[in-house]
């Protein structure tokens, strides 16, 4: 065995004895450092002639490569051993239940929608659902808002292919529900026996091109409709006053019906509420629009406005939720921040 083979065996033995990366680097210096055995052999080449330099240089390089290979192999072995040690020390039993499990809950607007439906159900109202992508006729024309009506500018919305649009309110469901109701009782109406009253609310998502602290491009509405042979504005005031006092759990709540204009009702009124105490005490806050259903809308339902009359209203569950829970920015409902939503669990 020549000197270089012996040197490689010495390096292998020394590397194997190293139990840490620091020890291995110290051992490396003995063979591959600036003053190491290989470096000393390379310096001795200067004393040889040209042919001997080539021959001896190739042998020394082969030994150097063998030592580097042994060094890298030991480095990897030490790294693998350290990784296994860490894995064993940090091993988790994934079969055990997580300690981070938390209880979920409904979104605050969903809580309000459930509350609205329960309150009106106690008054005999059913709940209607319908498409969020509507036709122009159901969303506008059937509600006494023809193509050239200026009120359409207040309902700037998102249009899709085929002349359809994302509904700007849930009022189209009033028309859809009433038409289905009339069709169901057509024979009774034709025979002059009358028709069961239409008493329905239509909660759901709606869309308009608005976005600020009190408006969102997607928001919720709840429309209400009561049609019969003798349903007056007085009934509207009684129903909505009872609803507001129940929703806010405040019998001292004050309501006022302020004259306004809507194309689908006549007469029309904005509904404002006033809290008797708390941070909003003394302020009038608009919560809904309402009025007697316009004769043209009754006619589009398939009914004779000389025989059938009633009222309609539309309110924003998002705004009611803000007032009920003291939220001052509508956008918090849609940010998905768990810190905010967890307060309503």
Protein backbone atom coordinates (compact mmCIF):
# COMPACT_ATOMS: atom_id res chain seq x y z
CA UNK A 1 0.00 0.00 0.00
CA UNK A 2 1.48 3.34 -1.02
CA UNK A 3 1.48 6.55 1.00
CA UNK A 4 -1.61 8.05 -0.67
CA UNK A 5 -3.75 4.92 -0.18
CA UNK A 6 -2.77 4.96 3.48
CA UNK A 7 -3.69 8.66 3.66
CA UNK A 8 -7.17 7.95 2.30
CA UNK A 9 -7.69 5.16 4.86
CA UNK A 10 -6.56 7.45 7.67
CA UNK A 11 -9.04 10.12 6.54
CA UNK A 12 -11.86 7.57 6.40
CA UNK A 13 -11.11 6.31 9.91
CA UNK A 14 -10.89 9.81 11.33
CA UNK A 15 -14.08 11.01 9.61
CA UNK A 16 -15.97 7.98 10.92
CA UNK A 17 -14.98 8.81 14.48
CA UNK A 18 -16.39 12.37 14.21
CA UNK A 19 -19.73 12.67 16.01
CA UNK A 20 -20.58 16.25 15.05
CA UNK A 21 -20.27 18.68 12.16
CA UNK A 22 -17.71 20.75 14.09
CA UNK A 23 -15.46 17.71 14.71
CA UNK A 24 -15.73 16.77 11.06
CA UNK A 25 -14.60 20.23 9.91
CA UNK A 26 -11.57 20.01 12.22
CA UNK A 27 -10.71 16.59 10.77
CA UNK A 28 -11.09 17.95 7.24
CA UNK A 29 -8.45 20.60 7.93
CA UNK A 30 -5.87 17.88 8.67
CA UNK A 31 -6.18 16.57 5.11
CA UNK A 32 -7.65 19.29 2.88
CA UNK A 33 -6.80 22.52 4.74
CA UNK A 34 -4.13 25.02 3.67
CA UNK A 35 -1.60 23.23 5.88
CA UNK A 36 -3.12 19.78 5.44
CA UNK A 37 -1.49 16.57 4.20
CA UNK A 38 -2.75 16.94 0.63
CA UNK A 39 -1.64 20.56 0.43
CA UNK A 40 1.87 19.59 1.63
CA UNK A 41 2.08 16.88 -1.04
CA UNK A 42 0.99 19.39 -3.71
CA UNK A 43 3.73 21.81 -2.62
CA UNK A 44 6.35 19.01 -3.04
CA UNK A 45 5.56 18.75 -6.76
CA UNK A 46 7.67 21.85 -7.39
CA UNK A 47 10.83 19.79 -6.81
CA UNK A 48 9.97 17.23 -9.54
CA UNK A 49 10.60 17.36 -13.27
CA UNK A 50 7.74 17.95 -15.70
CA UNK A 51 6.83 14.32 -16.39
CA UNK A 52 7.01 13.37 -12.73
CA UNK A 53 4.81 16.37 -11.87
CA UNK A 54 2.10 15.13 -14.25
CA UNK A 55 2.18 11.58 -12.94
CA UNK A 56 2.41 12.40 -9.23
CA UNK A 57 -0.09 15.29 -9.56
CA UNK A 58 -2.73 12.94 -11.03
CA UNK A 59 -2.24 10.46 -8.17
CA UNK A 60 -2.49 13.20 -5.53
CA UNK A 61 -5.69 14.60 -7.16
CA UNK A 62 -7.26 11.12 -7.15
CA UNK A 63 -6.49 10.80 -3.44
CA UNK A 64 -7.90 14.30 -2.80
CA UNK A 65 -11.14 13.41 -4.62
CA UNK A 66 -11.48 10.20 -2.58
CA UNK A 67 -11.03 12.12 0.67
CA UNK A 68 -13.62 14.77 -0.45
CA UNK A 69 -16.05 11.97 -1.30
CA UNK A 70 -15.58 10.42 2.16
CA UNK A 71 -16.00 13.88 3.75
CA UNK A 72 -19.29 14.58 1.93
CA UNK A 73 -20.63 11.13 2.76
CA UNK A 74 -19.93 11.67 6.45
CA UNK A 75 -21.48 15.14 6.33
CA UNK A 76 -24.69 13.67 4.91
CA UNK A 77 -24.70 10.88 7.48
CA UNK A 78 -24.38 13.39 10.34
CA UNK A 79 -27.15 15.60 8.83
CA UNK A 80 -29.48 12.61 8.49
CA UNK A 81 -28.79 11.58 12.07
CA UNK A 82 -29.54 15.11 13.34
CA UNK A 83 -32.80 15.24 11.33
CA UNK A 84 -33.93 11.90 12.73
CA UNK A 85 -33.10 13.10 16.24
CA UNK A 86 -35.24 16.23 15.75
CA UNK A 87 -38.11 14.24 14.26
CA UNK A 88 -38.10 11.89 17.22
CA UNK A 89 -37.97 14.76 19.70
CA UNK A 90 -40.79 16.67 17.96
CA UNK A 91 -42.96 13.71 16.97
CA UNK A 92 -46.72 14.34 17.25
CA UNK A 93 -49.47 11.82 17.70
CA UNK A 94 -51.81 12.93 14.93
CA UNK A 95 -54.49 10.55 16.20
CA UNK A 96 -55.06 12.78 19.24
CA UNK A 97 -57.71 15.53 18.99
CA UNK A 98 -56.43 19.00 18.22
CA UNK A 99 -56.25 21.48 21.06
CA UNK A 100 -57.12 24.34 18.67
CA UNK A 101 -60.66 23.21 17.88
CA UNK A 102 -63.13 26.08 18.21
CA UNK A 103 -66.89 26.25 17.92
CA UNK A 104 -68.26 27.88 14.79
CA UNK A 105 -71.32 30.04 14.46
CA UNK A 106 -73.64 31.78 12.03
CA UNK A 107 -72.68 35.03 10.34
CA UNK A 108 -74.34 38.06 12.02
CA UNK A 109 -76.37 38.82 8.88
CA UNK A 110 -77.54 35.19 8.78
CA UNK A 111 -78.61 35.55 12.41
CA UNK A 112 -80.65 38.62 11.46
CA UNK A 113 -82.23 36.88 8.46
CA UNK A 114 -83.28 33.95 10.64
CA UNK A 115 -84.72 36.37 13.17
CA UNK A 116 -86.64 38.27 10.47
CA UNK A 117 -88.11 35.06 9.05
CA UNK A 118 -89.20 33.82 12.49
CA UNK A 119 -90.87 37.12 13.38
CA UNK A 120 -92.83 37.34 10.14
CA UNK A 121 -93.68 33.64 10.28
CA UNK A 122 -95.39 34.37 13.61
CA UNK A 123 -97.54 36.90 11.69
CA UNK A 124 -98.55 34.36 9.05
CA UNK A 125 -96.03 35.31 6.34
CA UNK A 126 -94.39 32.63 4.23
CA UNK A 127 -90.86 32.87 2.80
CA UNK A 128 -90.22 33.01 -0.96
CA UNK A 129 -86.92 32.38 -2.74
CA UNK A 130 -86.01 33.19 -6.33
CA UNK A 131 -83.22 33.63 -8.89
CA UNK A 132 -80.49 36.19 -8.35
CA UNK A 133 -80.05 36.53 -12.13
CA UNK A 134 -83.28 38.17 -13.25
CA UNK A 135 -84.99 39.34 -16.42
CA UNK A 136 -85.56 43.01 -17.05
CA UNK A 137 -89.33 42.46 -16.90
CA UNK A 138 -89.42 40.99 -13.41
CA UNK A 139 -86.77 43.36 -12.02
CA UNK A 140 -88.12 46.59 -13.51
CA UNK A 141 -91.07 46.59 -15.92
CA UNK A 142 -93.47 44.47 -13.87
CA UNK A 143 -92.74 46.78 -10.93
CA UNK A 144 -94.00 49.82 -12.85
CA UNK A 145 -90.48 50.90 -13.86
CA UNK A 146 -90.38 50.90 -17.69
CA UNK A 147 -87.24 51.32 -19.78
CA UNK A 148 -87.29 55.13 -19.77
CA UNK A 149 -88.19 55.57 -16.08
CA UNK A 150 -85.71 57.84 -14.21
CA UNK A 151 -85.86 55.60 -11.13
CA UNK A 152 -83.76 53.03 -13.00
CA UNK A 153 -80.69 55.23 -12.53
CA UNK A 154 -80.90 54.51 -8.79
CA UNK A 155 -80.57 50.78 -9.54
CA UNK A 156 -77.26 50.78 -11.43
CA UNK A 157 -76.38 47.10 -11.51
CA UNK A 158 -74.42 44.32 -13.22
CA UNK A 159 -75.71 43.03 -16.56
CA UNK A 160 -75.04 39.59 -18.02
CA UNK A 161 -75.57 37.95 -21.40
CA UNK A 162 -79.03 37.55 -22.87
CA UNK A 163 -80.43 40.81 -21.49
CA UNK A 164 -80.40 39.49 -17.91
CA UNK A 165 -79.03 41.25 -14.85
CA UNK A 166 -78.14 40.64 -11.23
CA UNK A 167 -81.29 41.62 -9.37
CA UNK A 168 -81.18 45.02 -7.67
CA UNK A 169 -83.80 44.11 -5.05
CA UNK A 170 -85.85 41.08 -4.04
CA UNK A 171 -89.08 42.73 -5.24
CA UNK A 172 -89.12 40.51 -8.37
CA UNK A 173 -89.99 37.65 -6.02
CA UNK A 174 -93.18 39.49 -5.07
CA UNK A 175 -94.26 39.32 -8.72
CA UNK A 176 -93.14 35.72 -9.17
CA UNK A 177 -94.82 34.54 -5.97
CA UNK A 178 -98.04 36.47 -6.66
CA UNK A 179 -98.29 35.13 -10.24
CA UNK A 180 -97.79 31.56 -9.02
CA UNK A 181 -100.38 32.16 -6.27
CA UNK A 182 -102.89 33.56 -8.77
CA UNK A 183 -102.31 30.64 -11.13
CA UNK A 184 -102.88 28.18 -8.29
CA UNK A 185 -106.21 29.77 -7.38
CA UNK A 186 -107.29 30.76 -10.90
CA UNK A 187 -110.51 28.74 -10.86
CA UNK A 188 -111.61 30.21 -7.54
CA UNK A 189 -110.90 33.75 -8.78
CA UNK A 190 -112.75 33.16 -12.07
CA UNK A 191 -115.76 31.79 -10.19
CA UNK A 192 -115.90 34.97 -8.07
CA UNK A 193 -115.15 33.04 -4.86
CA UNK A 194 -112.15 35.18 -4.08
CA UNK A 195 -108.58 34.19 -3.40
CA UNK A 196 -106.58 33.46 -0.24
CA UNK A 197 -104.48 36.45 0.77
CA UNK A 198 -100.90 36.74 -0.45
CA UNK A 199 -98.71 37.20 2.60
CA UNK A 200 -95.01 36.66 1.90
CA UNK A 201 -91.51 37.95 2.57
CA UNK A 202 -88.60 37.54 0.14
CA UNK A 203 -85.14 37.73 1.76
CA UNK A 204 -81.98 37.28 -0.27
CA UNK A 205 -78.85 38.70 -1.90
CA UNK A 206 -79.07 41.67 -4.25
CA UNK A 207 -76.54 43.67 -6.28
CA UNK A 208 -75.86 47.30 -7.16
CA UNK A 209 -72.77 49.29 -8.14
CA UNK A 210 -72.14 50.80 -4.69
CA UNK A 211 -69.22 50.43 -2.31
CA UNK A 212 -68.50 52.44 0.86
CA UNK A 213 -68.87 52.17 4.64
CA UNK A 214 -72.66 51.79 4.39
CA UNK A 215 -73.05 50.22 0.91
CA UNK A 216 -71.72 47.07 -0.70
CA UNK A 217 -71.92 45.81 -4.32
CA UNK A 218 -73.52 42.68 -2.88
CA UNK A 219 -75.96 43.21 -0.04
CA UNK A 220 -79.11 41.69 1.42
CA UNK A 221 -82.71 42.79 1.18
CA UNK A 222 -85.98 41.53 2.52
CA UNK A 223 -89.15 42.50 0.70
CA UNK A 224 -92.61 41.97 2.15
CA UNK A 225 -95.99 41.77 0.45
CA UNK A 226 -99.55 41.46 1.75
CA UNK A 227 -102.33 41.47 -0.85
CA UNK A 228 -106.00 40.90 -0.13
CA UNK A 229 -109.41 42.46 -0.64
CA UNK A 230 -109.12 44.97 2.19
CA UNK A 231 -105.48 45.49 3.24
CA UNK A 232 -104.79 49.13 4.09
CA UNK A 233 -101.88 51.40 4.99
CA UNK A 234 -102.98 50.99 8.61
CA UNK A 235 -102.14 47.29 8.39
CA UNK A 236 -98.69 48.19 7.06
CA UNK A 237 -98.03 50.46 10.05
CA UNK A 238 -99.20 47.85 12.55
CA UNK A 239 -97.21 45.00 10.97
CA UNK A 240 -93.95 46.88 10.54
CA UNK A 241 -94.12 48.60 13.93
CA UNK A 242 -94.65 45.23 15.61
CA UNK A 243 -91.77 43.75 13.62
CA UNK A 244 -89.31 46.52 14.56
CA UNK A 245 -90.16 46.41 18.26
CA UNK A 246 -89.76 42.63 18.27
CA UNK A 247 -86.54 42.62 16.22
CA UNK A 248 -84.83 45.20 18.45
CA UNK A 249 -86.53 43.91 21.62
CA UNK A 250 -87.57 47.44 22.50
CA UNK A 251 -91.23 48.31 23.11
CA UNK A 252 -90.34 52.02 23.43
CA UNK A 253 -89.01 52.20 19.86
CA UNK A 254 -90.62 55.04 17.87
CA UNK A 255 -91.45 54.79 14.16
CA UNK A 256 -92.41 57.43 11.64
CA UNK A 257 -93.64 56.99 8.08
CA UNK A 258 -92.20 59.80 5.97
CA UNK A 259 -93.79 60.52 2.54
CA UNK A 260 -91.57 59.45 -0.34
CA UNK A 261 -91.72 58.06 -3.87
CA UNK A 262 -91.30 54.55 -5.26
CA UNK A 263 -92.59 53.59 -8.71
CA UNK A 264 -94.14 50.35 -7.44
CA UNK A 265 -96.15 51.84 -4.54
CA UNK A 266 -98.66 54.70 -4.23
CA UNK A 267 -98.75 56.28 -1.72
CA UNK A 268 -95.17 55.59 -0.61
CA UNK A 269 -93.28 56.17 2.61
CA UNK A 270 -89.79 55.83 4.02
CA UNK A 271 -89.79 54.20 7.45
CA UNK A 272 -87.55 55.74 10.12
CA UNK A 273 -86.94 54.50 13.65
CA UNK A 274 -85.77 56.31 16.77
CA UNK A 275 -84.21 54.61 19.79
CA UNK A 276 -85.23 55.99 23.19
CA UNK A 277 -81.79 55.38 24.73
CA UNK A 278 -78.25 54.33 23.90
CA UNK A 279 -75.66 55.90 21.56
CA UNK A 280 -78.27 56.40 18.80
CA UNK A 281 -80.93 57.94 21.06
CA UNK A 282 -82.79 60.87 19.55
CA UNK A 283 -81.66 60.26 15.96
CA UNK A 284 -84.03 59.22 13.16
CA UNK A 285 -82.59 56.28 11.22
CA UNK A 286 -84.04 55.11 7.91
CA UNK A 287 -84.60 51.34 7.85
CA UNK A 288 -87.12 50.62 5.06
CA UNK A 289 -89.23 51.83 2.18
CA UNK A 290 -92.93 50.99 1.92
CA UNK A 291 -96.33 51.84 0.52
CA UNK A 292 -99.60 50.64 -0.97
CA UNK A 293 -98.92 48.43 -4.00
CA UNK A 294 -99.38 50.42 -7.22
CA UNK A 295 -102.43 49.35 -9.29
CA UNK A 296 -100.16 48.66 -12.30
CA UNK A 297 -98.10 46.23 -10.20
CA UNK A 298 -101.26 44.50 -8.94
CA UNK A 299 -102.40 44.20 -12.55
CA UNK A 300 -99.03 42.68 -13.57
CA UNK A 301 -99.56 40.06 -10.85
CA UNK A 302 -102.67 38.97 -12.72
CA UNK A 303 -105.12 40.56 -10.30
CA UNK A 304 -107.81 43.21 -10.63
CA UNK A 305 -106.67 46.31 -8.65
CA UNK A 306 -110.35 47.21 -8.16
CA UNK A 307 -110.77 44.10 -6.00
CA UNK A 308 -107.32 43.48 -4.56
CA UNK A 309 -105.16 45.90 -2.67
CA UNK A 310 -102.27 45.64 -0.29
CA UNK A 311 -98.93 46.93 0.86
CA UNK A 312 -95.27 46.19 0.25
CA UNK A 313 -92.08 47.06 2.05
CA UNK A 314 -88.37 46.58 1.52
CA UNK A 315 -85.67 46.67 4.16
CA UNK A 316 -81.94 45.97 4.40
CA UNK A 317 -81.03 43.17 6.85
CA UNK A 318 -77.41 44.37 6.70
CA UNK A 319 -78.40 47.77 8.09
CA UNK A 320 -80.67 46.22 10.69
CA UNK A 321 -77.75 44.01 11.77
CA UNK A 322 -75.49 47.06 12.07
CA UNK A 323 -78.04 48.79 14.29
CA UNK A 324 -78.74 45.71 16.41
CA UNK A 325 -75.09 44.94 17.13
CA UNK A 326 -73.60 48.45 17.01
CA UNK A 327 -71.45 47.88 13.88
CA UNK A 328 -70.45 51.12 12.14
CA UNK A 329 -68.90 49.78 8.91
CA UNK A 330 -70.83 47.47 6.57
CA UNK A 331 -67.60 46.17 5.01
CA UNK A 332 -66.76 44.29 8.22
CA UNK A 333 -69.53 41.81 7.33
CA UNK A 334 -67.72 40.80 4.14
CA UNK A 335 -64.02 40.95 5.14
CA UNK A 336 -64.06 37.48 6.70
CA UNK A 337 -62.01 38.57 9.72
CA UNK A 338 -62.42 35.77 12.26
CA UNK A 339 -61.69 38.21 15.11
CA UNK A 340 -64.81 40.17 14.19
CA UNK A 341 -67.05 37.21 13.32
CA UNK A 342 -66.16 35.23 16.45
CA UNK A 343 -67.97 37.84 18.58
CA UNK A 344 -71.31 36.55 17.26
CA UNK A 345 -70.83 32.86 18.11
